[in-house]
Amino acid sequence: RRLTNDGAPRSACSLVPHSSPTRLAALMDRYTVEQEKELTCKEADDAMKADFDFDVLVDGIFAATKATLVAAFLCFAEATKATLVAGACVVCLLAAPTHAFATVQARTSAADATVQARPSAADRTAAYARSVDLWVGGYTVEGTKLSISPGKAPGATESFSVPQECICSAKATENGIFASGANPGNPFLLVATQNDAGEWTAEQTSVGATPPYKATMRFGATAGGVHTAVGSTLNSRGVSTAFSAEQSVIGCAEGEGASACEAVCGKHALPWDMIRRRCGL
């Protein structure tokens, strides 16, 4: 509806539709459809201003509500994320002791199984007893030695040999085979053991030798078989000698033969009955 009677607005604020759902509706209600009255520009401007202020207020409330909802959503998302992370950490903390306990329990079980699998003293004694006869008899020695005196350079290496050494007797125990033997120069003690891998090792210690010596013998998987010997001596003048030797199987036909052990063992008052039984002498 036009606000002027002549159809030409006097100002930019002069035209307002009668049906507009604005603050001007209250002004327009004072006129009938048949009448056309002129609203002053000031009245129209005041009404438009009030309508604009209302729209701005509504827009502001909407924007504030939207921002509040977005902020609340973001806070909720962060809180949810923190809760999930905290929950995962709690699960890790709860699972860690369980895993550690399971690991310790597994290791303890393995250790218990190892302890339980270890043969008893009687079983170990029986195992050594089955091979004790293989440790008596005669054998030969072929080796090399090197000596050095204090304050001097080492001399040349020297070869040496022993035509007949004998292990005169042996006894099986739970901790190994304990034996006594001799060579033409001195008697000795020998202790042989077998590890879990089935390999045999023996330690030889001289008795009354000048200078005294110790040697380690390695037999591999064969009790009393072909072996090596590595050892050393130290005399009263401080001269040290290291030696290494290849030695034959301990048996009845090696070197001068087992019959020579009667004299070798007898010289040092060692019994040789076990050799006689083994070799049929």
Protein backbone atom coordinates (compact mmCIF):
# COMPACT_ATOMS: atom_id res chain seq x y z
CA ARG A 1 0.00 0.00 0.00
CA ARG A 2 1.26 3.39 -0.91
CA LEU A 3 1.80 5.86 1.88
CA THR A 4 1.15 8.95 -0.35
CA ASN A 5 -2.04 9.98 -2.07
CA ASP A 6 -0.49 11.05 -5.33
CA GLY A 7 1.45 7.83 -5.96
CA ALA A 8 4.85 9.46 -5.78
CA PRO A 9 6.82 9.00 -2.58
CA ARG A 10 8.20 12.15 -1.06
CA SER A 11 11.19 10.39 0.44
CA ALA A 12 12.92 7.01 0.47
CA CYS A 13 11.11 6.13 3.67
CA SER A 14 7.68 6.86 2.25
CA LEU A 15 6.83 3.41 0.84
CA VAL A 16 6.10 0.57 3.20
CA PRO A 17 3.92 -2.44 2.22
CA HIS A 18 0.83 -2.57 4.36
CA SER A 19 1.23 -6.33 4.76
CA SER A 20 4.84 -6.17 5.94
CA PRO A 21 5.23 -8.07 9.25
CA THR A 22 7.20 -5.18 10.79
CA ARG A 23 6.85 -2.59 13.48
CA LEU A 24 4.92 -0.47 10.88
CA ALA A 25 1.96 -2.77 11.23
CA ALA A 26 0.81 -0.86 14.30
CA LEU A 27 0.82 2.38 12.33
CA MET A 28 -0.97 0.87 9.34
CA ASP A 29 -3.74 -0.54 11.52
CA ARG A 30 -5.02 3.02 12.06
CA TYR A 31 -6.18 3.24 8.47
CA THR A 32 -8.76 1.36 6.56
CA VAL A 33 -8.25 -0.28 3.23
CA GLU A 34 -10.29 2.48 1.56
CA GLN A 35 -8.23 5.23 3.12
CA GLU A 36 -4.76 6.15 2.26
CA LYS A 37 -3.09 8.42 4.70
CA GLU A 38 0.39 9.70 4.65
CA LEU A 39 2.75 8.54 7.36
CA THR A 40 5.38 11.00 8.19
CA CYS A 41 8.95 10.08 7.32
CA LYS A 42 9.89 10.33 10.97
CA GLU A 43 7.24 7.81 12.00
CA ALA A 44 8.33 5.42 9.27
CA ASP A 45 11.99 5.86 10.13
CA ASP A 46 11.32 5.26 13.82
CA ALA A 47 9.37 2.12 13.02
CA MET A 48 12.04 0.87 10.62
CA LYS A 49 14.75 1.58 13.19
CA ALA A 50 12.87 -0.34 15.84
CA ASP A 51 12.40 -3.22 13.42
CA PHE A 52 16.12 -3.18 12.50
CA ASP A 53 17.14 -3.13 16.17
CA PHE A 54 14.86 -6.10 16.80
CA ASP A 55 16.40 -8.03 13.88
CA VAL A 56 19.90 -7.22 15.12
CA LEU A 57 18.96 -8.44 18.58
CA VAL A 58 17.54 -11.68 17.19
CA ASP A 59 20.61 -12.20 14.99
CA GLY A 60 22.89 -11.54 17.96
CA ILE A 61 21.02 -14.03 20.13
CA PHE A 62 21.16 -16.61 17.34
CA ALA A 63 24.91 -16.05 16.78
CA ALA A 64 25.62 -16.24 20.52
CA THR A 65 23.56 -19.42 20.82
CA LYS A 66 25.37 -20.94 17.84
CA ALA A 67 28.78 -20.03 19.28
CA THR A 68 27.78 -21.46 22.65
CA LEU A 69 26.62 -24.72 21.06
CA VAL A 70 29.81 -25.02 18.99
CA ALA A 71 31.97 -24.32 22.03
CA ALA A 72 29.99 -26.82 24.08
CA PHE A 73 30.38 -29.45 21.34
CA LEU A 74 34.13 -28.85 21.13
CA CYS A 75 34.46 -29.07 24.90
CA PHE A 76 32.42 -32.28 24.90
CA ALA A 77 34.64 -33.72 22.13
CA GLU A 78 37.83 -32.82 24.01
CA ALA A 79 36.41 -34.22 27.24
CA THR A 80 35.43 -37.43 25.44
CA LYS A 81 38.91 -37.69 23.91
CA ALA A 82 40.54 -37.12 27.30
CA THR A 83 38.26 -39.72 28.85
CA LEU A 84 39.18 -42.26 26.16
CA VAL A 85 42.89 -41.54 26.58
CA ALA A 86 42.60 -41.79 30.34
CA GLY A 87 40.67 -45.03 29.95
CA ALA A 88 43.35 -46.41 27.66
CA CYS A 89 46.04 -45.44 30.17
CA VAL A 90 44.10 -47.13 32.94
CA VAL A 91 43.82 -50.25 30.78
CA CYS A 92 47.59 -50.11 30.13
CA LEU A 93 48.31 -49.68 33.82
CA LEU A 94 46.03 -52.54 34.69
CA ALA A 95 47.44 -54.74 31.94
CA ALA A 96 51.12 -54.03 32.72
CA PRO A 97 51.18 -55.80 36.11
CA THR A 98 49.27 -58.69 34.58
CA HIS A 99 51.80 -59.00 31.77
CA ALA A 100 54.71 -58.67 34.19
CA PHE A 101 53.19 -61.28 36.47
CA ALA A 102 52.63 -63.62 33.51
CA THR A 103 56.27 -63.13 32.40
CA VAL A 104 57.63 -63.79 35.88
CA GLN A 105 55.34 -66.79 36.26
CA ALA A 106 56.49 -68.20 32.90
CA ARG A 107 60.15 -67.75 33.84
CA THR A 108 59.56 -69.26 37.25
CA SER A 109 57.80 -72.22 35.66
CA ALA A 110 60.69 -72.69 33.23
CA ALA A 111 63.19 -72.50 36.09
CA ASP A 112 61.12 -74.98 38.10
CA ALA A 113 60.99 -77.29 35.09
CA THR A 114 64.79 -77.06 34.76
CA VAL A 115 65.26 -77.82 38.45
CA GLN A 116 62.81 -80.69 38.27
CA ALA A 117 64.53 -82.05 35.15
CA ARG A 118 67.96 -82.12 36.85
CA PRO A 119 68.93 -85.71 37.62
CA SER A 120 69.08 -86.77 41.23
CA ALA A 121 72.37 -87.56 42.94
CA ALA A 122 71.69 -91.28 42.54
CA ASP A 123 70.92 -90.87 38.84
CA ARG A 124 74.11 -88.84 38.27
CA THR A 125 76.17 -91.42 40.14
CA ALA A 126 74.64 -94.21 38.04
CA ALA A 127 75.34 -92.29 34.81
CA TYR A 128 79.01 -91.83 35.73
CA ALA A 129 79.27 -95.46 36.86
CA ARG A 130 78.24 -96.67 33.40
CA SER A 131 81.37 -95.11 31.86
CA VAL A 132 83.84 -95.42 34.71
CA ASP A 133 85.72 -98.35 33.13
CA LEU A 134 86.48 -96.20 30.09
CA TRP A 135 88.65 -93.99 32.27
CA VAL A 136 91.26 -96.59 33.24
CA GLY A 137 94.10 -97.74 30.99
CA GLY A 138 97.14 -96.33 29.24
CA TYR A 139 97.57 -93.43 26.77
CA THR A 140 100.31 -91.49 25.03
CA VAL A 141 101.21 -87.78 25.02
CA GLU A 142 102.68 -85.64 22.21
CA GLY A 143 102.93 -81.92 22.88
CA THR A 144 104.66 -78.53 22.67
CA LYS A 145 105.80 -76.24 25.46
CA LEU A 146 107.12 -72.71 25.87
CA SER A 147 109.02 -71.34 28.87
CA ILE A 148 109.82 -67.80 30.01
CA SER A 149 112.00 -66.49 32.85
CA PRO A 150 111.47 -63.20 34.66
CA GLY A 151 113.16 -60.31 32.86
CA LYS A 152 113.97 -62.38 29.79
CA ALA A 153 112.38 -62.94 26.42
CA PRO A 154 110.65 -66.30 25.94
CA GLY A 155 112.82 -69.04 24.51
CA ALA A 156 112.03 -71.28 21.56
CA THR A 157 109.14 -73.72 21.70
CA GLU A 158 110.06 -77.29 22.50
CA SER A 159 108.41 -80.59 21.69
CA PHE A 160 107.92 -83.24 24.35
CA SER A 161 106.35 -86.67 24.62
CA VAL A 162 105.38 -89.22 27.23
CA PRO A 163 105.44 -92.79 25.91
CA GLN A 164 103.12 -94.09 28.59
CA GLU A 165 100.79 -92.48 31.06
CA CYS A 166 98.29 -94.55 32.96
CA ILE A 167 95.07 -93.93 34.83
CA CYS A 168 95.32 -96.67 37.40
CA SER A 169 91.90 -96.54 39.12
CA ALA A 170 88.66 -94.53 38.96
CA LYS A 171 85.51 -94.11 41.04
CA ALA A 172 82.10 -92.80 39.98
CA THR A 173 80.35 -90.25 42.23
CA GLU A 174 77.39 -87.93 41.79
CA ASN A 175 79.80 -85.07 40.99
CA GLY A 176 82.03 -86.81 38.48
CA ILE A 177 84.66 -89.51 38.08
CA PHE A 178 87.60 -89.24 40.47
CA ALA A 179 90.72 -91.05 39.32
CA SER A 180 94.40 -91.48 40.13
CA GLY A 181 97.15 -92.15 37.64
CA ALA A 182 100.86 -91.78 36.97
CA ASN A 183 103.58 -91.29 34.41
CA PRO A 184 107.23 -92.27 34.79
CA GLY A 185 107.96 -89.03 36.66
CA ASN A 186 105.07 -88.51 39.07
CA PRO A 187 101.56 -89.54 40.08
CA PHE A 188 98.54 -87.29 39.50
CA LEU A 189 94.86 -86.87 40.29
CA LEU A 190 92.18 -86.53 37.62
CA VAL A 191 88.51 -85.48 37.90
CA ALA A 192 86.24 -85.96 34.86
CA THR A 193 82.76 -84.46 34.45
CA GLN A 194 80.13 -84.39 31.74
CA ASN A 195 78.07 -81.24 31.04
CA ASP A 196 74.43 -81.03 29.94
CA ALA A 197 75.52 -81.07 26.29
CA GLY A 198 77.18 -84.45 26.83
CA GLU A 199 80.77 -83.18 26.55
CA TRP A 200 83.48 -84.51 28.84
CA THR A 201 86.16 -82.40 30.55
CA ALA A 202 88.87 -83.51 32.98
CA GLU A 203 91.24 -81.61 35.28
CA GLN A 204 94.66 -83.16 35.95
CA THR A 205 96.73 -82.09 39.00
CA SER A 206 100.25 -83.34 39.56
CA VAL A 207 101.35 -84.87 42.88
CA GLY A 208 104.94 -84.35 43.99
CA ALA A 209 106.10 -83.07 40.59
CA THR A 210 108.85 -80.46 40.34
CA PRO A 211 107.59 -78.05 39.25
CA PRO A 212 103.91 -78.87 39.91
CA TYR A 213 101.50 -78.59 37.00
CA LYS A 214 97.81 -78.51 36.18
CA ALA A 215 96.17 -79.39 32.89
CA THR A 216 92.69 -79.28 31.42
CA MET A 217 91.70 -82.18 29.16
CA ARG A 218 88.84 -82.02 26.68
CA PHE A 219 87.32 -85.25 25.35
CA GLY A 220 84.27 -84.11 23.43
CA ALA A 221 81.35 -86.51 23.63
CA THR A 222 83.45 -89.67 24.09
CA ALA A 223 84.33 -90.70 27.64
CA GLY A 224 88.04 -91.52 27.84
CA GLY A 225 88.45 -90.88 24.09
CA VAL A 226 91.10 -89.01 22.13
CA HIS A 227 91.64 -85.67 23.85
CA THR A 228 93.69 -82.49 24.17
CA ALA A 229 95.49 -81.20 27.24
CA VAL A 230 96.42 -77.57 27.98
CA GLY A 231 98.26 -76.56 31.14
CA SER A 232 101.16 -74.75 32.79
CA THR A 233 103.88 -74.99 35.44
CA LEU A 234 105.71 -72.49 37.65
CA ASN A 235 109.01 -73.38 39.33
CA SER A 236 110.71 -71.86 42.36
CA ARG A 237 112.85 -69.53 40.22
CA GLY A 238 109.73 -67.99 38.68
CA VAL A 239 110.09 -69.75 35.36
CA SER A 240 106.68 -70.33 33.79
CA THR A 241 106.00 -73.01 31.22
CA ALA A 242 102.85 -73.38 29.15
CA PHE A 243 102.10 -76.57 27.25
CA SER A 244 99.56 -78.07 24.92
CA ALA A 245 99.35 -81.73 23.91
CA GLU A 246 97.44 -84.21 21.81
CA GLN A 247 96.73 -87.38 23.75
CA SER A 248 95.44 -90.74 22.63
CA VAL A 249 92.36 -92.59 23.75
CA ILE A 250 92.62 -94.17 27.21
CA GLY A 251 92.71 -97.89 26.57
CA CYS A 252 94.52 -101.21 26.56
CA ALA A 253 96.72 -101.09 23.44
CA GLU A 254 97.95 -97.47 23.39
CA GLY A 255 101.64 -96.73 23.71
CA GLU A 256 103.50 -99.54 25.35
CA GLY A 257 100.25 -101.28 26.12
CA ALA A 258 98.24 -101.60 29.32
CA SER A 259 100.66 -104.19 30.71
CA ALA A 260 103.22 -101.37 31.14
CA CYS A 261 100.86 -99.72 33.62
CA GLU A 262 101.68 -102.36 36.22
CA ALA A 263 105.16 -100.83 36.61
CA VAL A 264 104.04 -97.19 36.15
CA CYS A 265 101.27 -97.46 38.73
CA GLY A 266 103.24 -99.70 41.04
CA LYS A 267 106.17 -97.24 41.16
CA HIS A 268 103.88 -94.79 43.01
CA ALA A 269 101.98 -97.42 45.02
CA LEU A 270 98.81 -97.01 42.96
CA PRO A 271 96.56 -100.08 42.45
CA TRP A 272 95.97 -101.12 38.84
CA ASP A 273 93.32 -103.82 39.36
CA MET A 274 90.74 -101.95 37.27
CA ILE A 275 93.12 -101.89 34.31
CA ARG A 276 93.72 -105.64 34.64
CA ARG A 277 89.98 -106.31 34.64
CA ARG A 278 89.23 -104.06 31.73
CA CYS A 279 92.10 -105.28 29.57
CA GLY A 280 91.97 -108.95 30.66
CA LEU A 281 95.51 -109.00 32.07
